[in-house]
N, C-alpha and C. Protein backbone atom coordinates (compact mmCIF):
# COMPACT_ATOMS: atom_id res chain seq x y z
N GLY A 1 2.87 -38.54 129.79
CA GLY A 1 2.18 -38.91 128.68
C GLY A 1 0.60 -37.64 128.78
N TYR A 2 0.32 -37.72 127.66
CA TYR A 2 -0.94 -36.18 127.80
C TYR A 2 -1.61 -36.89 126.71
N THR A 3 -3.30 -36.26 126.91
CA THR A 3 -4.36 -36.70 126.13
C THR A 3 -4.28 -35.14 125.15
N THR A 4 -5.05 -35.62 123.81
CA THR A 4 -5.33 -34.75 122.93
C THR A 4 -5.57 -33.19 123.12
N GLN A 5 -6.52 -33.61 124.31
CA GLN A 5 -7.19 -32.25 124.84
C GLN A 5 -6.28 -31.30 125.70
N ALA A 6 -5.09 -31.99 126.22
CA ALA A 6 -4.07 -31.33 126.97
C ALA A 6 -3.20 -30.59 126.04
N SER A 7 -2.66 -31.04 124.75
CA SER A 7 -1.91 -30.84 123.66
C SER A 7 -1.69 -29.47 123.40
N SER A 8 -2.30 -28.54 123.67
CA SER A 8 -2.15 -26.95 123.98
C SER A 8 -1.34 -26.94 124.47
N ILE A 9 -1.33 -27.53 126.05
CA ILE A 9 -0.70 -27.00 127.63
C ILE A 9 0.80 -27.77 127.33
N VAL A 10 0.79 -29.06 127.03
CA VAL A 10 1.88 -30.01 127.32
C VAL A 10 3.20 -29.08 126.84
N PRO A 11 3.28 -29.22 125.28
CA PRO A 11 4.27 -29.19 124.74
C PRO A 11 5.06 -27.87 125.18
N VAL A 12 3.93 -26.41 125.46
CA VAL A 12 4.80 -25.55 125.97
C VAL A 12 4.72 -25.55 126.95
N SER A 13 4.63 -26.22 128.37
CA SER A 13 5.14 -26.52 129.41
C SER A 13 6.18 -27.30 129.51
N CYS A 14 6.51 -28.04 128.66
CA CYS A 14 7.58 -28.86 128.64
C CYS A 14 8.88 -28.00 128.01
N GLY A 15 8.63 -27.43 126.81
CA GLY A 15 9.48 -26.45 126.53
C GLY A 15 10.40 -25.65 127.32
N GLN A 16 9.17 -24.87 128.14
CA GLN A 16 9.85 -24.16 128.95
C GLN A 16 10.28 -24.47 130.06
N PHE A 17 10.18 -25.86 130.51
CA PHE A 17 10.78 -26.75 131.96
C PHE A 17 12.31 -27.21 131.15
N LEU A 18 12.25 -27.46 129.94
CA LEU A 18 13.64 -27.60 129.24
C LEU A 18 14.56 -26.61 129.00
N ALA A 19 13.90 -25.73 128.85
CA ALA A 19 14.79 -24.11 128.65
C ALA A 19 15.62 -23.93 129.67
N GLN A 20 15.15 -24.12 131.07
CA GLN A 20 15.41 -23.96 132.42
C GLN A 20 16.32 -25.31 132.69
N TYR A 21 15.89 -26.48 132.49
CA TYR A 21 16.72 -27.55 132.90
C TYR A 21 17.13 -28.39 131.43
N PRO A 22 18.27 -28.20 130.74
CA PRO A 22 18.41 -28.40 129.42
C PRO A 22 18.83 -30.15 129.62
N ASN A 23 19.59 -30.09 130.71
CA ASN A 23 20.15 -31.71 130.58
C ASN A 23 18.90 -32.77 131.23
N VAL A 24 17.74 -32.29 131.40
CA VAL A 24 16.41 -33.16 131.62
C VAL A 24 16.18 -33.75 130.13
N LYS A 25 16.05 -34.82 130.18
CA LYS A 25 15.41 -35.59 129.04
C LYS A 25 13.61 -35.82 129.15
N ILE A 26 13.15 -35.47 128.29
CA ILE A 26 11.38 -36.00 128.62
C ILE A 26 11.31 -36.49 127.03
N GLU A 27 10.52 -37.39 127.44
CA GLU A 27 9.74 -38.36 126.03
C GLU A 27 8.19 -38.28 126.09
N MET A 28 7.32 -37.26 125.36
CA MET A 28 6.01 -37.04 125.55
C MET A 28 5.67 -37.92 124.50
N GLN A 29 3.95 -38.43 124.87
CA GLN A 29 3.17 -39.63 124.37
C GLN A 29 1.83 -39.02 124.37
N VAL A 30 1.46 -38.90 123.27
CA VAL A 30 -0.20 -38.66 123.22
C VAL A 30 -1.16 -39.91 123.50
N GLN A 31 -2.12 -40.26 124.59
CA GLN A 31 -2.81 -41.37 124.73
C GLN A 31 -3.94 -40.80 124.96
N ASP A 32 -5.01 -41.96 124.89
CA ASP A 32 -5.95 -41.96 125.55
C ASP A 32 -6.02 -42.06 127.44
N GLU A 33 -7.02 -41.47 128.05
CA GLU A 33 -7.06 -41.14 129.59
C GLU A 33 -6.95 -42.82 130.31
N LEU A 34 -7.54 -43.51 129.69
CA LEU A 34 -7.35 -44.75 130.46
C LEU A 34 -6.25 -45.74 130.19
N GLU A 35 -5.24 -45.42 128.87
CA GLU A 35 -3.99 -46.07 128.71
C GLU A 35 -2.78 -45.26 129.51
N LEU A 36 -3.24 -44.03 129.76
CA LEU A 36 -2.44 -43.01 130.79
C LEU A 36 -2.35 -43.61 132.13
N THR A 37 -3.88 -43.84 132.36
CA THR A 37 -3.73 -43.95 133.78
C THR A 37 -2.91 -45.57 133.95
N ARG A 38 -3.38 -46.80 133.19
CA ARG A 38 -2.85 -47.71 133.27
C ARG A 38 -1.30 -47.65 133.58
N LYS A 39 -0.68 -46.81 132.83
CA LYS A 39 0.56 -47.04 132.48
C LYS A 39 1.13 -46.10 133.57
N LEU A 40 0.77 -45.11 134.60
CA LEU A 40 0.90 -44.52 135.49
C LEU A 40 1.00 -45.73 136.86
N GLN A 41 -0.27 -46.58 136.72
CA GLN A 41 -0.48 -47.51 137.93
C GLN A 41 0.70 -48.45 137.85
N LEU A 42 1.23 -48.88 136.44
CA LEU A 42 2.22 -49.85 136.10
C LEU A 42 3.60 -49.20 136.28
N GLY A 43 3.88 -47.71 136.61
CA GLY A 43 5.06 -47.24 136.87
C GLY A 43 5.48 -47.25 135.49
N GLU A 44 5.06 -47.28 134.11
CA GLU A 44 5.53 -47.08 132.89
C GLU A 44 6.00 -45.71 132.29
N ILE A 45 5.26 -44.47 133.29
CA ILE A 45 5.36 -43.45 133.07
C ILE A 45 5.16 -42.38 134.08
N ASP A 46 5.84 -41.42 134.37
CA ASP A 46 6.08 -40.88 135.47
C ASP A 46 5.10 -40.03 135.57
N ILE A 47 4.43 -39.01 134.45
CA ILE A 47 3.24 -38.02 134.54
C ILE A 47 2.47 -38.17 133.59
N SER A 48 1.20 -37.75 134.00
CA SER A 48 0.05 -37.79 132.81
C SER A 48 -0.26 -36.45 133.43
N VAL A 49 -1.41 -35.90 131.88
CA VAL A 49 -1.95 -34.78 131.73
C VAL A 49 -2.63 -35.11 131.13
N TYR A 50 -4.41 -34.44 131.65
CA TYR A 50 -5.46 -34.89 131.23
C TYR A 50 -6.22 -33.85 131.87
N LEU A 51 -7.80 -33.66 131.02
CA LEU A 51 -8.53 -32.41 131.46
C LEU A 51 -9.12 -32.92 133.19
N GLN A 52 -9.58 -33.88 133.51
CA GLN A 52 -10.18 -34.53 134.65
C GLN A 52 -9.16 -35.04 135.57
N SER A 53 -8.87 -35.32 136.71
CA SER A 53 -7.88 -35.74 137.68
C SER A 53 -8.88 -37.21 137.74
N ALA A 54 -8.07 -38.42 137.89
CA ALA A 54 -8.68 -39.82 137.94
C ALA A 54 -8.83 -39.86 139.66
N ASN A 55 -9.62 -40.45 140.38
CA ASN A 55 -9.88 -40.73 141.61
C ASN A 55 -9.09 -41.23 142.14
N SER A 56 -8.01 -42.33 141.55
CA SER A 56 -7.07 -43.51 142.27
C SER A 56 -5.79 -42.56 142.01
N ILE A 57 -5.50 -41.43 141.99
CA ILE A 57 -4.24 -40.80 141.25
C ILE A 57 -4.31 -39.58 141.91
N VAL A 58 -2.81 -39.31 142.35
CA VAL A 58 -2.83 -37.67 143.00
C VAL A 58 -2.49 -36.63 141.94
N SER A 59 -2.96 -35.73 141.99
CA SER A 59 -3.00 -34.90 141.14
C SER A 59 -2.66 -33.58 141.70
N ASP A 60 -1.97 -32.59 140.39
CA ASP A 60 -1.22 -31.55 140.96
C ASP A 60 -1.39 -30.74 139.79
N ILE A 61 -1.70 -29.43 140.16
CA ILE A 61 -1.94 -28.49 138.84
C ILE A 61 -0.38 -27.53 138.90
N HIS A 62 -0.06 -27.28 137.44
CA HIS A 62 1.54 -26.67 137.48
C HIS A 62 0.84 -25.70 136.58
N LEU A 63 0.92 -24.27 136.59
CA LEU A 63 1.01 -23.21 135.66
C LEU A 63 2.26 -22.66 135.41
N PRO A 64 2.20 -22.90 134.21
CA PRO A 64 3.58 -22.54 133.68
C PRO A 64 3.79 -21.16 133.23
N ASP A 65 2.52 -20.45 132.87
CA ASP A 65 2.70 -19.26 132.44
C ASP A 65 2.24 -18.17 133.82
N GLN A 66 2.62 -16.96 133.86
CA GLN A 66 2.00 -16.10 134.99
C GLN A 66 0.32 -15.81 134.70
N LEU A 67 -0.23 -15.64 135.59
CA LEU A 67 -1.47 -15.13 135.74
C LEU A 67 -1.49 -13.31 134.96
N VAL A 68 -2.29 -13.10 134.43
CA VAL A 68 -2.52 -11.68 134.04
C VAL A 68 -3.34 -11.05 134.77
N LEU A 69 -3.10 -9.66 135.48
CA LEU A 69 -4.01 -8.90 136.08
C LEU A 69 -4.36 -7.54 135.37
N PHE A 70 -5.46 -7.36 135.19
CA PHE A 70 -5.61 -5.83 134.21
C PHE A 70 -5.97 -4.98 135.41
N VAL A 71 -5.81 -3.98 135.41
CA VAL A 71 -6.13 -2.88 136.28
C VAL A 71 -6.43 -1.57 135.71
N SER A 72 -6.85 -0.63 136.02
CA SER A 72 -6.90 0.75 135.61
C SER A 72 -5.50 1.47 136.55
N ARG A 73 -4.93 2.47 135.45
CA ARG A 73 -3.53 2.96 135.68
C ARG A 73 -4.01 3.53 136.90
N ASN A 74 -5.11 4.04 137.92
CA ASN A 74 -4.84 4.68 139.32
C ASN A 74 -5.17 3.43 140.15
N HIS A 75 -5.27 2.29 139.59
CA HIS A 75 -5.12 1.34 140.70
C HIS A 75 -4.11 1.36 141.39
N PRO A 76 -4.51 0.66 143.19
CA PRO A 76 -3.23 0.75 143.84
C PRO A 76 -2.21 -0.58 143.40
N LEU A 77 -2.88 -1.33 143.01
CA LEU A 77 -1.59 -2.23 142.35
C LEU A 77 -1.39 -1.99 141.09
N ALA A 78 -1.77 -0.93 140.46
CA ALA A 78 -0.73 -0.97 139.16
C ALA A 78 0.42 -0.76 138.62
N ASN A 79 0.93 -0.01 139.60
CA ASN A 79 2.69 -0.15 139.59
C ASN A 79 3.49 -0.99 140.48
N GLN A 80 2.66 -2.14 140.49
CA GLN A 80 3.39 -3.03 140.84
C GLN A 80 4.37 -3.99 140.27
N ASP A 81 5.56 -4.65 140.38
CA ASP A 81 6.14 -5.21 139.49
C ASP A 81 5.47 -6.86 139.41
N SER A 82 5.12 -7.13 140.87
CA SER A 82 4.53 -8.66 141.02
C SER A 82 3.94 -8.60 142.34
N ILE A 83 2.49 -9.42 142.13
CA ILE A 83 1.78 -9.33 143.32
C ILE A 83 1.37 -10.52 143.86
N ARG A 84 1.24 -10.75 145.22
CA ARG A 84 1.14 -11.91 145.72
C ARG A 84 -0.56 -12.20 145.97
N LYS A 85 -0.93 -13.36 145.72
CA LYS A 85 -2.45 -14.00 145.96
C LYS A 85 -3.01 -13.12 146.90
N ALA A 86 -2.36 -12.95 148.11
CA ALA A 86 -2.96 -12.35 149.13
C ALA A 86 -3.40 -11.23 149.33
N GLU A 87 -2.65 -10.39 148.12
CA GLU A 87 -3.07 -8.57 148.01
C GLU A 87 -4.77 -8.85 146.97
N LEU A 88 -4.78 -9.67 146.62
CA LEU A 88 -5.81 -9.64 145.84
C LEU A 88 -7.40 -9.72 146.22
N THR A 89 -7.10 -10.41 147.59
CA THR A 89 -8.55 -10.89 148.54
C THR A 89 -9.34 -9.32 148.74
N GLN A 90 -8.91 -8.48 148.58
CA GLN A 90 -9.77 -7.21 148.95
C GLN A 90 -10.30 -6.77 147.78
N TYR A 91 -9.89 -6.98 146.54
CA TYR A 91 -10.51 -6.45 145.00
C TYR A 91 -11.65 -6.98 144.85
N PRO A 92 -12.40 -6.48 143.90
CA PRO A 92 -13.68 -7.58 143.26
C PRO A 92 -12.81 -8.41 141.99
N MET A 93 -13.29 -9.24 141.90
CA MET A 93 -12.66 -10.10 140.53
C MET A 93 -13.50 -10.23 139.75
N TYR A 94 -13.07 -10.30 138.39
CA TYR A 94 -13.62 -10.38 137.30
C TYR A 94 -12.99 -11.09 136.28
N GLY A 95 -13.94 -12.20 135.83
CA GLY A 95 -13.09 -13.42 135.27
C GLY A 95 -13.60 -13.64 133.60
N CYS A 96 -12.76 -14.16 132.84
CA CYS A 96 -13.02 -14.13 131.32
C CYS A 96 -13.53 -15.86 130.92
N PHE A 97 -14.60 -15.80 130.35
CA PHE A 97 -14.62 -17.23 129.58
C PHE A 97 -13.56 -17.21 128.22
N SER A 98 -13.09 -18.53 128.60
CA SER A 98 -11.83 -18.90 127.44
C SER A 98 -12.53 -19.97 126.76
N GLN A 99 -12.31 -19.99 125.09
CA GLN A 99 -12.85 -20.93 124.67
C GLN A 99 -12.09 -22.22 124.79
N SER A 100 -11.03 -22.31 125.37
CA SER A 100 -10.18 -23.62 125.81
C SER A 100 -10.66 -23.92 127.03
N LYS A 101 -10.92 -25.41 127.33
CA LYS A 101 -11.51 -25.51 128.66
C LYS A 101 -10.62 -25.71 129.45
N GLN A 102 -9.30 -26.27 128.78
CA GLN A 102 -8.05 -26.38 129.92
C GLN A 102 -7.88 -24.60 130.63
N VAL A 103 -7.82 -24.21 129.67
CA VAL A 103 -7.72 -22.51 130.39
C VAL A 103 -8.58 -22.16 131.06
N GLN A 104 -9.82 -22.37 131.01
CA GLN A 104 -10.76 -22.05 131.73
C GLN A 104 -10.87 -22.68 132.93
N SER A 105 -10.14 -23.89 132.61
CA SER A 105 -10.14 -24.94 134.15
C SER A 105 -9.31 -23.97 134.79
N MET A 106 -8.21 -23.61 134.65
CA MET A 106 -6.57 -23.19 135.04
C MET A 106 -7.46 -21.92 135.66
N LEU A 107 -8.30 -20.73 135.22
CA LEU A 107 -8.87 -19.70 135.70
C LEU A 107 -9.44 -19.95 136.58
N ASN A 108 -10.24 -20.87 136.50
CA ASN A 108 -11.45 -20.91 137.62
C ASN A 108 -10.60 -21.76 139.04
N GLU A 109 -9.73 -22.38 138.63
CA GLU A 109 -8.96 -22.90 139.86
C GLU A 109 -7.71 -21.71 140.37
N ALA A 110 -7.50 -21.01 139.69
CA ALA A 110 -6.71 -19.88 140.20
C ALA A 110 -7.43 -18.90 141.04
N VAL A 111 -8.84 -19.02 140.79
CA VAL A 111 -9.77 -17.80 141.43
C VAL A 111 -10.25 -18.68 142.70
N ASP A 112 -10.62 -19.85 143.08
CA ASP A 112 -11.10 -20.75 143.93
C ASP A 112 -10.09 -20.60 144.62
N SER A 113 -8.62 -20.61 144.48
CA SER A 113 -7.40 -20.63 145.26
C SER A 113 -7.28 -19.49 146.18
N LEU A 114 -8.09 -18.59 145.53
CA LEU A 114 -8.17 -17.36 146.27
C LEU A 114 -9.29 -17.18 147.29
N ASN A 115 -10.10 -18.32 147.29
CA ASN A 115 -11.38 -18.36 148.19
C ASN A 115 -12.20 -16.88 147.62
N LYS A 116 -12.48 -16.81 146.78
CA LYS A 116 -13.40 -15.69 146.15
C LYS A 116 -14.41 -16.31 144.95
N SER A 117 -15.31 -15.82 144.36
CA SER A 117 -15.68 -16.23 143.64
C SER A 117 -15.75 -14.93 142.53
N THR A 118 -15.69 -14.78 141.21
CA THR A 118 -15.66 -13.74 140.61
C THR A 118 -17.06 -13.29 140.73
N SER A 119 -16.59 -11.60 140.76
CA SER A 119 -17.95 -10.70 140.64
C SER A 119 -18.58 -10.94 139.33
N VAL A 120 -17.96 -10.40 138.00
CA VAL A 120 -18.65 -10.56 137.17
C VAL A 120 -17.91 -11.54 136.45
N LYS A 121 -18.56 -12.34 135.29
CA LYS A 121 -18.15 -12.65 133.88
C LYS A 121 -18.12 -12.45 132.75
N ILE A 122 -17.13 -12.08 132.30
CA ILE A 122 -16.99 -11.47 130.53
C ILE A 122 -16.45 -12.09 129.46
N GLY A 123 -16.75 -11.67 128.61
CA GLY A 123 -16.70 -12.84 127.28
C GLY A 123 -15.27 -13.24 126.82
N ASN A 124 -14.64 -12.80 126.47
CA ASN A 124 -13.31 -13.32 126.53
C ASN A 124 -12.09 -12.21 126.76
N ILE A 125 -10.94 -12.45 125.95
CA ILE A 125 -9.90 -11.63 126.43
C ILE A 125 -10.06 -10.62 125.38
N GLU A 126 -10.49 -10.72 124.04
CA GLU A 126 -10.41 -9.71 123.16
C GLU A 126 -11.66 -8.63 123.68
N GLN A 127 -12.56 -8.97 124.27
CA GLN A 127 -13.71 -7.65 124.76
C GLN A 127 -13.12 -7.13 126.15
N VAL A 128 -12.08 -7.67 126.67
CA VAL A 128 -11.64 -6.72 127.66
C VAL A 128 -10.61 -5.92 127.33
N ILE A 129 -10.32 -6.30 126.43
CA ILE A 129 -8.94 -5.80 125.99
C ILE A 129 -9.61 -4.23 125.06
N ASP A 130 -10.58 -4.60 124.29
CA ASP A 130 -11.37 -3.53 123.17
C ASP A 130 -12.28 -2.81 124.27
């Protein structure tokens, strides 16, 4: 199950998962956090997705999409096809603010997992591209 706040993430994630595992069946239910927690505790559902984790439930973050890194053409990482998180620790980080609380939370967690803080926070992705 998932809350309406997570509705921008769950269908896309489930769609990507089902594309990889077409024999798996998923039933998605939109419900409030209290009902999702109750159903989890009773074993009526296997997974719930909502903005904040409940203290009594184990939580895990799954980012279905890749994070995007913008660098100049002359940057040492510019020509690599993939980059490990460990390779980013030596460079300053610039973060974007997202209008989506879910996306902002995921961006913050990704940066936190590098044990770094962002050096500068800028408006939104459109401002970065312009």
